[in-house]
C-alpha atoms as a PDB file:
ATOM      1  CA  MET A   1     135.468  90.688 135.826  1.00  0.00           C
ATOM      2  CA  THR A   2     132.599  92.055 133.858  1.00  0.00           C
ATOM      3  CA  ALA A   3     129.254  90.334 134.427  1.00  0.00           C
ATOM      4  CA  THR A   4     127.349  89.034 131.291  1.00  0.00           C
ATOM      5  CA  ALA A   5     124.373  91.044 130.608  1.00  0.00           C
ATOM      6  CA  LYS A   6     121.073  89.148 130.890  1.00  0.00           C
ATOM      7  CA  PRO A   7     118.583  89.135 128.059  1.00  0.00           C
ATOM      8  CA  PRO A   8     115.269  90.929 128.650  1.00  0.00           C
ATOM      9  CA  SER A   9     112.722  88.991 130.623  1.00  0.00           C
ATOM     10  CA  GLY A  10     110.955  86.601 128.307  1.00  0.00           C
ATOM     11  CA  ARG A  11     113.185  87.010 125.402  1.00  0.00           C
ATOM     12  CA  TYR A  12     115.569  84.107 125.881  1.00  0.00           C
ATOM     13  CA  GLY A  13     116.540  82.171 122.864  1.00  0.00           C
ATOM     14  CA  GLY A  14     116.124  84.883 120.185  1.00  0.00           C
ATOM     15  CA  PRO A  15     113.039  85.708 118.077  1.00  0.00           C
ATOM     16  CA  ARG A  16     112.322  82.179 116.939  1.00  0.00           C
ATOM     17  CA  LEU A  17     111.608  81.008 120.542  1.00  0.00           C
ATOM     18  CA  GLN A  18     109.231  84.048 121.410  1.00  0.00           C
ATOM     19  CA  PRO A  19     105.531  83.187 121.689  1.00  0.00           C
ATOM     20  CA  GLU A  20     104.634  85.555 118.901  1.00  0.00           C
ATOM     21  CA  ASN A  21     106.530  83.169 116.505  1.00  0.00           C
ATOM     22  CA  TYR A  22     105.200  79.867 117.580  1.00  0.00           C
ATOM     23  CA  GLU A  23     101.802  80.659 118.946  1.00  0.00           C
ATOM     24  CA  PRO A  24      98.911  80.764 116.478  1.00  0.00           C
ATOM     25  CA  ASP A  25      97.250  84.131 115.915  1.00  0.00           C
ATOM     26  CA  HIS A  26      94.056  82.239 116.409  1.00  0.00           C
ATOM     27  CA  VAL A  27      93.066  78.868 118.066  1.00  0.00           C
ATOM     28  CA  PRO A  28      89.488  77.604 117.467  1.00  0.00           C
ATOM     29  CA  ILE A  29      87.322  77.688 120.615  1.00  0.00           C
ATOM     30  CA  GLU A  30      86.822  73.969 120.505  1.00  0.00           C
ATOM     31  CA  VAL A  31      90.530  73.593 121.450  1.00  0.00           C
ATOM     32  CA  ALA A  32      91.279  77.023 123.043  1.00  0.00           C
ATOM     33  CA  ARG A  33      88.746  76.411 125.722  1.00  0.00           C
ATOM     34  CA  TYR A  34      91.046  73.936 127.473  1.00  0.00           C
ATOM     35  CA  GLY A  35      93.391  76.876 128.313  1.00  0.00           C
ATOM     36  CA  GLY A  36      97.046  77.026 128.838  1.00  0.00           C
ATOM     37  CA  HIS A  37      97.457  76.477 132.459  1.00  0.00           C
ATOM     38  CA  PRO A  38      99.990  73.607 132.828  1.00  0.00           C
ATOM     39  CA  HIS A  39      99.447  70.582 135.141  1.00  0.00           C
ATOM     40  CA  THR A  40     103.175  69.619 134.595  1.00  0.00           C
ATOM     41  CA  LEU A  41     105.548  71.308 132.128  1.00  0.00           C
ATOM     42  CA  PRO A  42     104.407  74.768 130.950  1.00  0.00           C
ATOM     43  CA  ILE A  43     104.572  76.179 127.514  1.00  0.00           C
ATOM     44  CA  GLY A  44     108.125  77.122 126.602  1.00  0.00           C
ATOM     45  CA  SER A  45     109.808  74.628 128.763  1.00  0.00           C
ATOM     46  CA  PRO A  46     112.736  72.712 127.264  1.00  0.00           C
ATOM     47  CA  GLY A  47     111.522  70.356 124.675  1.00  0.00           C
ATOM     48  CA  LYS A  48     107.961  71.933 124.478  1.00  0.00           C
ATOM     49  CA  VAL A  49     108.732  74.327 121.549  1.00  0.00           C
ATOM     50  CA  GLY A  50     109.781  72.739 118.228  1.00  0.00           C
ATOM     51  CA  ILE A  51     111.046  74.939 115.431  1.00  0.00           C
ATOM     52  CA  LEU A  52     111.989  73.797 112.003  1.00  0.00           C
ATOM     53  CA  GLU A  53     113.106  75.820 108.891  1.00  0.00           C
ATOM     54  CA  LEU A  54     113.909  74.277 105.635  1.00  0.00           C
ATOM     55  CA  GLY A  55     114.605  76.201 102.495  1.00  0.00           C
ATOM     56  CA  PHE A  56     115.141  74.581  99.046  1.00  0.00           C
ATOM     57  CA  ALA A  57     116.660  75.943  95.844  1.00  0.00           C
ATOM     58  CA  LEU A  58     118.170  74.817  92.474  1.00  0.00           C
ATOM     59  CA  ARG A  59     121.867  74.210  92.393  1.00  0.00           C
ATOM     60  CA  GLY A  60     124.290  73.020  89.761  1.00  0.00           C
ATOM     61  CA  ALA A  61     124.271  73.376  86.040  1.00  0.00           C
ATOM     62  CA  ASP A  62     122.918  71.421  82.868  1.00  0.00           C
ATOM     63  CA  GLU A  63     122.546  67.759  83.817  1.00  0.00           C
ATOM     64  CA  SER A  64     123.817  68.015  87.271  1.00  0.00           C
ATOM     65  CA  ARG A  65     121.219  70.608  88.152  1.00  0.00           C
ATOM     66  CA  ARG A  66     119.100  69.525  91.165  1.00  0.00           C
ATOM     67  CA  THR A  67     117.016  70.727  94.102  1.00  0.00           C
ATOM     68  CA  GLU A  68     119.009  71.008  97.236  1.00  0.00           C
ATOM     69  CA  LEU A  69     118.552  71.866 100.874  1.00  0.00           C
ATOM     70  CA  VAL A  70     120.258  75.375 101.197  1.00  0.00           C
ATOM     71  CA  HIS A  71     118.766  76.513 104.553  1.00  0.00           C
ATOM     72  CA  HIS A  72     118.214  74.400 107.636  1.00  0.00           C
ATOM     73  CA  TYR A  73     117.422  75.370 111.234  1.00  0.00           C
ATOM     74  CA  GLN A  74     115.995  72.957 113.724  1.00  0.00           C
ATOM     75  CA  LYS A  75     115.243  72.946 117.529  1.00  0.00           C
ATOM     76  CA  SER A  76     114.262  69.778 119.213  1.00  0.00           C
ATOM     77  CA  PRO A  77     112.015  67.906 119.287  1.00  0.00           C
ATOM     78  CA  LEU A  78     111.663  68.747 115.433  1.00  0.00           C
ATOM     79  CA  GLN A  79     114.316  67.293 113.158  1.00  0.00           C
ATOM     80  CA  ILE A  80     114.942  65.911 109.705  1.00  0.00           C
ATOM     81  CA  ILE A  81     116.750  63.057 108.070  1.00  0.00           C
ATOM     82  CA  LYS A  82     119.264  64.215 105.438  1.00  0.00           C
ATOM     83  CA  PRO A  83     117.367  64.476 102.074  1.00  0.00           C
ATOM     84  CA  LEU A  84     117.699  61.364  99.954  1.00  0.00           C
ATOM     85  CA  TYR A  85     117.725  61.072  96.100  1.00  0.00           C
ATOM     86  CA  TYR A  86     116.203  57.691  95.301  1.00  0.00           C
ATOM     87  CA  ASN A  87     113.724  58.421  92.489  1.00  0.00           C
ATOM     88  CA  PRO A  88     115.309  56.932  89.424  1.00  0.00           C
ATOM     89  CA  PHE A  89     113.046  58.966  87.097  1.00  0.00           C
ATOM     90  CA  ARG A  90     113.765  62.211  89.001  1.00  0.00           C
ATOM     91  CA  PRO A  91     117.336  62.096  90.386  1.00  0.00           C
ATOM     92  CA  ASP A  92     117.039  65.928  90.842  1.00  0.00           C
ATOM     93  CA  MET A  93     114.153  65.593  93.416  1.00  0.00           C
ATOM     94  CA  PRO A  94     115.031  65.264  97.214  1.00  0.00           C
ATOM     95  CA  TYR A  95     112.901  63.187  99.509  1.00  0.00           C
ATOM     96  CA  THR A  96     112.933  64.672 103.075  1.00  0.00           C
ATOM     97  CA  TYR A  97     111.597  62.935 106.230  1.00  0.00           C
ATOM     98  CA  LEU A  98     110.408  65.020 109.193  1.00  0.00           C
ATOM     99  CA  LEU A  99     110.672  63.620 112.610  1.00  0.00           C
ATOM    100  CA  THR A 100     110.341  64.256 116.262  1.00  0.00           C
ATOM    101  CA  THR A 101     112.601  63.146 119.027  1.00  0.00           C
ATOM    102  CA  GLY A 102     109.760  63.253 121.478  1.00  0.00           C
ATOM    103  CA  GLY A 103     107.933  60.375 120.008  1.00  0.00           C
ATOM    104  CA  GLY A 104     104.601  62.247 119.844  1.00  0.00           C
ATOM    105  CA  VAL A 105     102.780  65.436 120.837  1.00  0.00           C
ATOM    106  CA  LEU A 106     102.162  66.257 124.457  1.00  0.00           C
ATOM    107  CA  HIS A 107     100.081  68.900 126.180  1.00  0.00           C
ATOM    108  CA  ASN A 108     101.196  72.350 125.836  1.00  0.00           C
ATOM    109  CA  ASP A 109     103.564  71.417 122.963  1.00  0.00           C
ATOM    110  CA  ARG A 110     103.929  74.168 120.306  1.00  0.00           C
ATOM    111  CA  GLN A 111     105.475  73.261 116.904  1.00  0.00           C
ATOM    112  CA  ARG A 112     106.285  75.330 113.911  1.00  0.00           C
ATOM    113  CA  THR A 113     107.633  74.244 110.633  1.00  0.00           C
ATOM    114  CA  ASP A 114     108.483  76.577 107.742  1.00  0.00           C
ATOM    115  CA  LEU A 115     109.301  75.130 104.258  1.00  0.00           C
ATOM    116  CA  THR A 116     110.465  77.471 101.482  1.00  0.00           C
ATOM    117  CA  PHE A 117     110.728  76.135  97.751  1.00  0.00           C
ATOM    118  CA  GLY A 118     112.528  78.249  95.412  1.00  0.00           C
ATOM    119  CA  GLN A 119     111.776  78.854  91.618  1.00  0.00           C
ATOM    120  CA  GLY A 120     111.710  75.673  89.673  1.00  0.00           C
ATOM    121  CA  THR A 121     112.431  73.313  92.604  1.00  0.00           C
ATOM    122  CA  SER A 122     110.858  69.934  93.049  1.00  0.00           C
ATOM    123  CA  ALA A 123     110.715  68.004  96.444  1.00  0.00           C
ATOM    124  CA  HIS A 124     108.921  65.428  98.313  1.00  0.00           C
ATOM    125  CA  ILE A 125     108.340  66.065 102.182  1.00  0.00           C
ATOM    126  CA  THR A 126     106.828  63.364 104.442  1.00  0.00           C
ATOM    127  CA  THR A 127     107.098  62.146 108.024  1.00  0.00           C
ATOM    128  CA  GLN A 128     109.122  59.232 109.548  1.00  0.00           C
ATOM    129  CA  ALA A 129     106.066  57.793 111.093  1.00  0.00           C
ATOM    130  CA  HIS A 130     102.458  58.494 112.341  1.00  0.00           C
ATOM    131  CA  THR A 131     101.908  61.582 114.493  1.00  0.00           C
ATOM    132  CA  LYS A 132     100.722  60.395 117.930  1.00  0.00           C
ATOM    133  CA  VAL A 133      98.864  62.925 119.985  1.00  0.00           C
ATOM    134  CA  TYR A 134      99.011  61.835 123.629  1.00  0.00           C
ATOM    135  CA  ARG A 135      96.595  62.013 126.385  1.00  0.00           C
ATOM    136  CA  MET A 136      96.361  65.555 127.952  1.00  0.00           C
ATOM    137  CA  GLU A 137      95.353  66.356 131.563  1.00  0.00           C
ATOM    138  CA  SER A 138      95.665  70.134 130.913  1.00  0.00           C
ATOM    139  CA  GLY A 139      96.170  72.655 128.147  1.00  0.00           C
ATOM    140  CA  TYR A 140      96.416  71.798 124.361  1.00  0.00           C
ATOM    141  CA  ALA A 141      98.946  71.431 121.716  1.00  0.00           C
ATOM    142  CA  THR A 142      99.445  73.148 118.244  1.00  0.00           C
ATOM    143  CA  ALA A 143     101.303  72.355 115.213  1.00  0.00           C
ATOM    144  CA  LEU A 144     101.788  75.012 112.550  1.00  0.00           C
ATOM    145  CA  MET A 145     103.029  74.182 109.050  1.00  0.00           C
ATOM    146  CA  ASN A 146     103.821  77.013 106.692  1.00  0.00           C
ATOM    147  CA  LEU A 147     104.849  76.325 102.952  1.00  0.00           C
ATOM    148  CA  GLU A 148     105.916  78.911 100.556  1.00  0.00           C
ATOM    149  CA  LEU A 149     106.249  77.907  96.831  1.00  0.00           C
ATOM    150  CA  ALA A 150     107.752  80.073  94.210  1.00  0.00           C
ATOM    151  CA  ASP A 151     106.967  80.044  90.353  1.00  0.00           C
ATOM    152  CA  GLY A 152     107.488  76.650  88.874  1.00  0.00           C
ATOM    153  CA  ALA A 153     107.982  74.755  92.079  1.00  0.00           C
ATOM    154  CA  TYR A 154     106.681  71.222  92.390  1.00  0.00           C
ATOM    155  CA  VAL A 155     106.076  70.153  95.880  1.00  0.00           C
ATOM    156  CA  GLU A 156     104.498  66.945  97.466  1.00  0.00           C
ATOM    157  CA  TYR A 157     103.875  67.223 101.308  1.00  0.00           C
ATOM    158  CA  LEU A 158     102.371  63.996 102.293  1.00  0.00           C
ATOM    159  CA  PRO A 159     102.636  63.373 106.090  1.00  0.00           C
ATOM    160  CA  ASP A 160     101.650  59.997 107.665  1.00  0.00           C
ATOM    161  CA  PRO A 161      98.334  59.831 109.562  1.00  0.00           C
ATOM    162  CA  VAL A 162      97.638  61.675 112.870  1.00  0.00           C
ATOM    163  CA  ILE A 163      96.425  59.447 115.813  1.00  0.00           C
ATOM    164  CA  PRO A 164      94.618  61.505 118.537  1.00  0.00           C
ATOM    165  CA  TYR A 165      94.733  59.524 121.749  1.00  0.00           C
ATOM    166  CA  VAL A 166      91.998  59.501 124.467  1.00  0.00           C
ATOM    167  CA  ASP A 167      91.563  63.076 126.028  1.00  0.00           C
ATOM    168  CA  SER A 168      93.927  64.759 123.601  1.00  0.00           C
ATOM    169  CA  ARG A 169      93.410  68.174 122.028  1.00  0.00           C
ATOM    170  CA  LEU A 170      95.311  69.486 118.928  1.00  0.00           C
ATOM    171  CA  TYR A 171      95.038  72.431 116.651  1.00  0.00           C
ATOM    172  CA  GLN A 172      97.036  72.043 113.488  1.00  0.00           C
ATOM    173  CA  ARG A 173      97.288  74.526 110.564  1.00  0.00           C
ATOM    174  CA  VAL A 174      98.738  74.127 107.217  1.00  0.00           C
ATOM    175  CA  ALA A 175      98.997  77.632 105.640  1.00  0.00           C
ATOM    176  CA  VAL A 176     100.274  77.726 101.949  1.00  0.00           C
ATOM    177  CA  SER A 177     101.382  80.619  99.927  1.00  0.00           C
ATOM    178  CA  MET A 178     102.095  79.709  96.345  1.00  0.00           C
ATOM    179  CA  HIS A 179     102.665  81.280  92.961  1.00  0.00           C
ATOM    180  CA  ALA A 180     100.028  80.657  90.316  1.00  0.00           C
ATOM    181  CA  GLY A 181     102.832  78.690  88.507  1.00  0.00           C
ATOM    182  CA  ALA A 182     103.585  76.395  91.319  1.00  0.00           C
ATOM    183  CA  THR A 183     102.183  72.999  92.021  1.00  0.00           C
ATOM    184  CA  LEU A 184     101.288  71.331  95.408  1.00  0.00           C
ATOM    185  CA  VAL A 185     100.233  67.802  96.258  1.00  0.00           C
ATOM    186  CA  THR A 186      99.333  67.417  99.842  1.00  0.00           C
ATOM    187  CA  GLY A 187      97.169  65.437 102.098  1.00  0.00           C
ATOM    188  CA  GLU A 188      95.989  64.608 105.715  1.00  0.00           C
ATOM    189  CA  THR A 189      94.658  61.451 107.292  1.00  0.00           C
ATOM    190  CA  VAL A 190      93.170  61.280 110.807  1.00  0.00           C
ATOM    191  CA  TYR A 191      92.348  58.119 112.731  1.00  0.00           C
ATOM    192  CA  ALA A 192      89.539  57.890 115.415  1.00  0.00           C
ATOM    193  CA  GLY A 193      92.172  56.869 117.830  1.00  0.00           C
ATOM    194  CA  ARG A 194      94.145  53.780 118.735  1.00  0.00           C
ATOM    195  CA  LEU A 195      91.793  51.494 116.781  1.00  0.00           C
ATOM    196  CA  THR A 196      93.600  48.142 117.592  1.00  0.00           C
ATOM    197  CA  ARG A 197      93.005  49.003 121.285  1.00  0.00           C
ATOM    198  CA  GLY A 198      89.306  49.684 120.681  1.00  0.00           C
ATOM    199  CA  GLU A 199      89.769  53.409 121.226  1.00  0.00           C
ATOM    200  CA  HIS A 200      87.177  55.153 118.889  1.00  0.00           C
ATOM    201  CA  ASN A 201      86.764  58.918 119.019  1.00  0.00           C
ATOM    202  CA  ALA A 202      87.806  59.275 122.567  1.00  0.00           C
ATOM    203  CA  TYR A 203      89.802  62.452 122.109  1.00  0.00           C
ATOM    204  CA  ALA A 204      88.629  65.667 123.430  1.00  0.00           C
ATOM    205  CA  ALA A 205      89.023  67.835 120.354  1.00  0.00           C
ATOM    206  CA  PHE A 206      90.800  67.814 116.988  1.00  0.00           C
ATOM    207  CA  ALA A 207      90.816  70.928 114.786  1.00  0.00           C
ATOM    208  CA  SER A 208      92.564  71.391 111.471  1.00  0.00           C
ATOM    209  CA  ASP A 209      92.819  74.298 109.058  1.00  0.00           C
ATOM    210  CA  PHE A 210      94.056  73.973 105.491  1.00  0.00           C
ATOM    211  CA  GLU A 211      94.642  77.290 103.694  1.00  0.00           C
ATOM    212  CA  VAL A 212      96.021  78.077 100.154  1.00  0.00           C
ATOM    213  CA  ARG A 213      96.610  81.568  99.015  1.00  0.00           C
ATOM    214  CA  ARG A 214      98.465  83.451  96.382  1.00  0.00           C
ATOM    215  CA  PRO A 215     101.582  85.653  97.379  1.00  0.00           C
ATOM    216  CA  ASP A 216      99.397  88.685  97.296  1.00  0.00           C
ATOM    217  CA  GLY A 217      96.936  87.192  99.827  1.00  0.00           C
ATOM    218  CA  GLU A 218      94.294  86.056  97.124  1.00  0.00           C
ATOM    219  CA  PRO A 219      92.411  82.929  98.575  1.00  0.00           C
ATOM    220  CA  VAL A 220      92.736  79.770  96.510  1.00  0.00           C
ATOM    221  CA  ALA A 221      91.213  77.097  98.790  1.00  0.00           C
ATOM    222  CA  PHE A 222      90.206  76.648 102.379  1.00  0.00           C
ATOM    223  CA  ASP A 223      89.276  73.496 104.315  1.00  0.00           C
ATOM    224  CA  ARG A 224      88.440  73.378 107.939  1.00  0.00           C
ATOM    225  CA  ALA A 225      87.679  70.497 110.202  1.00  0.00           C
ATOM    226  CA  ARG A 226      86.343  70.482 113.757  1.00  0.00           C
ATOM    227  CA  LEU A 227      86.016  67.053 115.260  1.00  0.00           C
ATOM    228  CA  ILE A 228      84.439  67.064 118.623  1.00  0.00           C
ATOM    229  CA  PRO A 229      83.442  63.436 119.759  1.00  0.00           C
ATOM    230  CA  ARG A 230      80.261  62.864 121.697  1.00  0.00           C
ATOM    231  CA  ASP A 231      79.789  59.345 123.248  1.00  0.00           C
ATOM    232  CA  GLY A 232      82.381  57.977 120.747  1.00  0.00           C
ATOM    233  CA  HIS A 233      80.810  59.590 117.716  1.00  0.00           C
ATOM    234  CA  VAL A 234      81.677  62.572 115.499  1.00  0.00           C
ATOM    235  CA  GLY A 235      78.883  64.391 113.712  1.00  0.00           C
ATOM    236  CA  GLY A 236      76.631  62.625 111.205  1.00  0.00           C
ATOM    237  CA  LEU A 237      76.884  61.543 107.542  1.00  0.00           C
ATOM    238  CA  ALA A 238      78.295  64.913 106.417  1.00  0.00           C
ATOM    239  CA  VAL A 239      81.193  64.641 108.751  1.00  0.00           C
ATOM    240  CA  LEU A 240      82.397  60.923 109.256  1.00  0.00           C
ATOM    241  CA  GLY A 241      79.231  58.970 109.263  1.00  0.00           C
ATOM    242  CA  GLY A 242      80.543  56.629 112.005  1.00  0.00           C
ATOM    243  CA  ARG A 243      83.710  55.791 110.234  1.00  0.00           C
ATOM    244  CA  ASP A 244      87.049  55.471 111.880  1.00  0.00           C
ATOM    245  CA  VAL A 245      89.299  57.109 109.276  1.00  0.00           C
ATOM    246  CA  VAL A 246      89.106  60.350 107.181  1.00  0.00           C
ATOM    247  CA  ALA A 247      91.629  61.209 104.547  1.00  0.00           C
ATOM    248  CA  SER A 248      91.940  64.169 102.150  1.00  0.00           C
ATOM    249  CA  LEU A 249      94.120  64.965  99.353  1.00  0.00           C
ATOM    250  CA  TYR A 250      94.542  68.378  97.555  1.00  0.00           C
ATOM    251  CA  VAL A 251      96.196  68.943  94.402  1.00  0.00           C
ATOM    252  CA  VAL A 252      96.733  72.663  93.369  1.00  0.00           C
ATOM    253  CA  THR A 253      98.375  72.937  89.901  1.00  0.00           C
ATOM    254  CA  PRO A 254      98.241  74.810  86.612  1.00  0.00           C
ATOM    255  CA  ARG A 255     100.013  72.016  84.639  1.00  0.00           C
ATOM    256  CA  VAL A 256      96.893  70.063  83.916  1.00  0.00           C
ATOM    257  CA  GLY A 257      93.261  70.738  83.766  1.00  0.00           C
ATOM    258  CA  ALA A 258      91.160  70.598  86.844  1.00  0.00           C
ATOM    259  CA  THR A 259      88.569  68.163  85.237  1.00  0.00           C
ATOM    260  CA  GLN A 260      91.280  65.923  83.881  1.00  0.00           C
ATOM    261  CA  LEU A 261      92.900  65.772  87.309  1.00  0.00           C
ATOM    262  CA  ALA A 262      89.627  65.072  89.031  1.00  0.00           C
ATOM    263  CA  GLU A 263      88.872  62.331  86.682  1.00  0.00           C
ATOM    264  CA  ALA A 264      92.248  60.752  87.242  1.00  0.00           C
ATOM    265  CA  LEU A 265      91.853  60.807  91.022  1.00  0.00           C
ATOM    266  CA  HIS A 266      88.303  59.367  90.895  1.00  0.00           C
ATOM    267  CA  GLU A 267      89.252  56.518  88.571  1.00  0.00           C
ATOM    268  CA  THR A 268      92.281  55.662  90.727  1.00  0.00           C
ATOM    269  CA  ALA A 269      90.299  55.547  93.962  1.00  0.00           C
ATOM    270  CA  THR A 270      87.597  53.451  92.373  1.00  0.00           C
ATOM    271  CA  ARG A 271      90.100  50.919  90.993  1.00  0.00           C
ATOM    272  CA  VAL A 272      91.849  50.560  94.413  1.00  0.00           C
ATOM    273  CA  LEU A 273      88.539  50.014  96.260  1.00  0.00           C
ATOM    274  CA  ALA A 274      87.350  47.459  93.847  1.00  0.00           C
ATOM    275  CA  ASP A 275      90.173  45.205  95.260  1.00  0.00           C
ATOM    276  CA  CYS A 276      89.548  46.048  98.919  1.00  0.00           C
ATOM    277  CA  ASP A 277      87.223  44.654 101.577  1.00  0.00           C
ATOM    278  CA  ASP A 278      86.159  47.815 103.478  1.00  0.00           C
ATOM    279  CA  ASP A 279      82.388  47.975 102.791  1.00  0.00           C
ATOM    280  CA  ALA A 280      82.369  51.138 104.807  1.00  0.00           C
ATOM    281  CA  ALA A 281      84.637  53.169 102.593  1.00  0.00           C
ATOM    282  CA  LEU A 282      83.278  56.200 100.811  1.00  0.00           C
ATOM    283  CA  PHE A 283      84.993  58.912  98.800  1.00  0.00           C
ATOM    284  CA  GLY A 284      84.200  61.965  96.658  1.00  0.00           C
ATOM    285  CA  VAL A 285      86.096  63.978  94.121  1.00  0.00           C
ATOM    286  CA  SER A 286      85.630  67.542  92.837  1.00  0.00           C
ATOM    287  CA  VAL A 287      87.500  70.437  91.441  1.00  0.00           C
ATOM    288  CA  LEU A 288      88.688  73.302  93.479  1.00  0.00           C
ATOM    289  CA  PRO A 289      87.429  76.914  93.273  1.00  0.00           C
ATOM    290  CA  GLY A 290      88.537  78.680  90.286  1.00  0.00           C
ATOM    291  CA  GLU A 291      89.632  75.567  88.469  1.00  0.00           C
ATOM    292  CA  ALA A 292      92.822  75.683  90.581  1.00  0.00           C
ATOM    293  CA  GLY A 293      93.031  71.881  90.816  1.00  0.00           C
ATOM    294  CA  ALA A 294      91.061  69.014  92.382  1.00  0.00           C
ATOM    295  CA  TRP A 295      90.705  67.375  95.740  1.00  0.00           C
ATOM    296  CA  MET A 296      89.429  64.030  97.326  1.00  0.00           C
ATOM    297  CA  ARG A 297      87.880  63.170 100.653  1.00  0.00           C
ATOM    298  CA  TYR A 298      87.772  59.524 101.910  1.00  0.00           C
ATOM    299  CA  VAL A 299      86.100  57.842 104.810  1.00  0.00           C
ATOM    300  CA  GLY A 300      86.294  54.272 105.948  1.00  0.00           C
ATOM    301  CA  ASP A 301      87.111  51.693 108.579  1.00  0.00           C
ATOM    302  CA  ASP A 302      90.212  50.078 107.489  1.00  0.00           C
ATOM    303  CA  THR A 303      93.612  51.804 107.975  1.00  0.00           C
ATOM    304  CA  ILE A 304      95.284  49.662 105.345  1.00  0.00           C
ATOM    305  CA  THR A 305      92.632  50.577 102.762  1.00  0.00           C
ATOM    306  CA  SER A 306      92.833  54.151 103.382  1.00  0.00           C
ATOM    307  CA  ALA A 307      96.597  54.158 103.075  1.00  0.00           C
ATOM    308  CA  ARG A 308      96.345  52.242  99.648  1.00  0.00           C
ATOM    309  CA  VAL A 309      93.874  54.824  98.403  1.00  0.00           C
ATOM    310  CA  GLN A 310      95.783  57.804  99.657  1.00  0.00           C
ATOM    311  CA  THR A 311      98.990  56.444  98.182  1.00  0.00           C
ATOM    312  CA  ALA A 312      97.606  55.452  95.021  1.00  0.00           C
ATOM    313  CA  VAL A 313      95.699  58.838  94.374  1.00  0.00           C
ATOM    314  CA  ALA A 314      98.835  60.811  95.206  1.00  0.00           C
ATOM    315  CA  ALA A 315     100.838  58.658  92.793  1.00  0.00           C
ATOM    316  CA  ALA A 316      98.232  59.175  90.107  1.00  0.00           C
ATOM    317  CA  ALA A 317      98.682  62.989  90.464  1.00  0.00           C
ATOM    318  CA  HIS A 318     102.490  62.623  90.405  1.00  0.00           C
ATOM    319  CA  GLU A 319     102.381  60.699  87.164  1.00  0.00           C
ATOM    320  CA  LEU A 320      99.826  62.817  85.498  1.00  0.00           C
ATOM    321  CA  ILE A 321     101.599  66.218  86.255  1.00  0.00           C
ATOM    322  CA  LEU A 322     105.329  64.988  85.817  1.00  0.00           C
ATOM    323  CA  GLY A 323     104.886  62.263  83.289  1.00  0.00           C
ATOM    324  CA  THR A 324     106.917  59.825  85.248  1.00  0.00           C
ATOM    325  CA  ALA A 325     106.099  57.045  87.653  1.00  0.00           C
ATOM    326  CA  ALA A 326     105.908  57.716  91.390  1.00  0.00           C
ATOM    327  CA  PRO A 327     108.416  55.769  93.518  1.00  0.00           C
ATOM    328  CA  VAL A 328     107.539  53.596  96.475  1.00  0.00           C
ATOM    329  CA  ILE A 329     108.150  55.823  99.489  1.00  0.00           C
ATOM    330  CA  ARG A 330     110.595  54.207 101.930  1.00  0.00           C
ATOM    331  CA  LYS A 331     109.555  54.104 105.580  1.00  0.00           C
END
């Protein structure tokens, strides 16, 4: 009986499960200083590395032509729900929900998601629920999101808010490579903690990088956040100004002018806030470098108000660019 050859040391699981695939090439010092020495399960233990790959392409002909999921690889805790087609105005556009079987992010978790959208595709990606970042006694967690958009692709990537619990530390990066003819509507919302439990900025560190480049590496837009609480506060007026919620929305598109887009985002946010009671709410809108699009940043104290503003502004971008009403996203 011939013994089965053992894989080289440290190479179990194939290339996807090797550290060079799921570890960031750089972790901000604000998070990296917590090290990787485990107090319980180490990096790479079962369930500690989540990998998700999705590829979308146009399929069919004439009236039946639609965007379909043509490549799918997942390793728990990252999974998806089967794409749904419930937009009556865009029956060709799938709505895909990302989820995690672990219920949240723990210390030493490493997550990597790669989403690829072929030429002329249209898709909406969201999460099933809020991302909970649990308390950590040692180490830190990372979450990498890579998006690749071909010419003519229209993509909405709009995850639910991130909730960093007390003593948690997370580095997340959204890296986008998109053709000049593609469109991306994406955003991020971060809470100061479990607000209903009176937890305000008790996490250890939250770092986030948002990067958009052309396929040849030309930079389009960068946005970096480093939230390091001190005595329950994060920075001054230029950071959060004592607010409990910060939200951002980025729209990169060649389909409408940057000024027209910025005006639509501003008018929508102004209208929504006029009907809300959050006196702490502030927002600003401006065009992106090189007239590549527009973006909004919002801060406030009420989570319901922030969700209303973010949803309405994203819907305004959808309607302006596609010329059809945005559906209510089912959660």
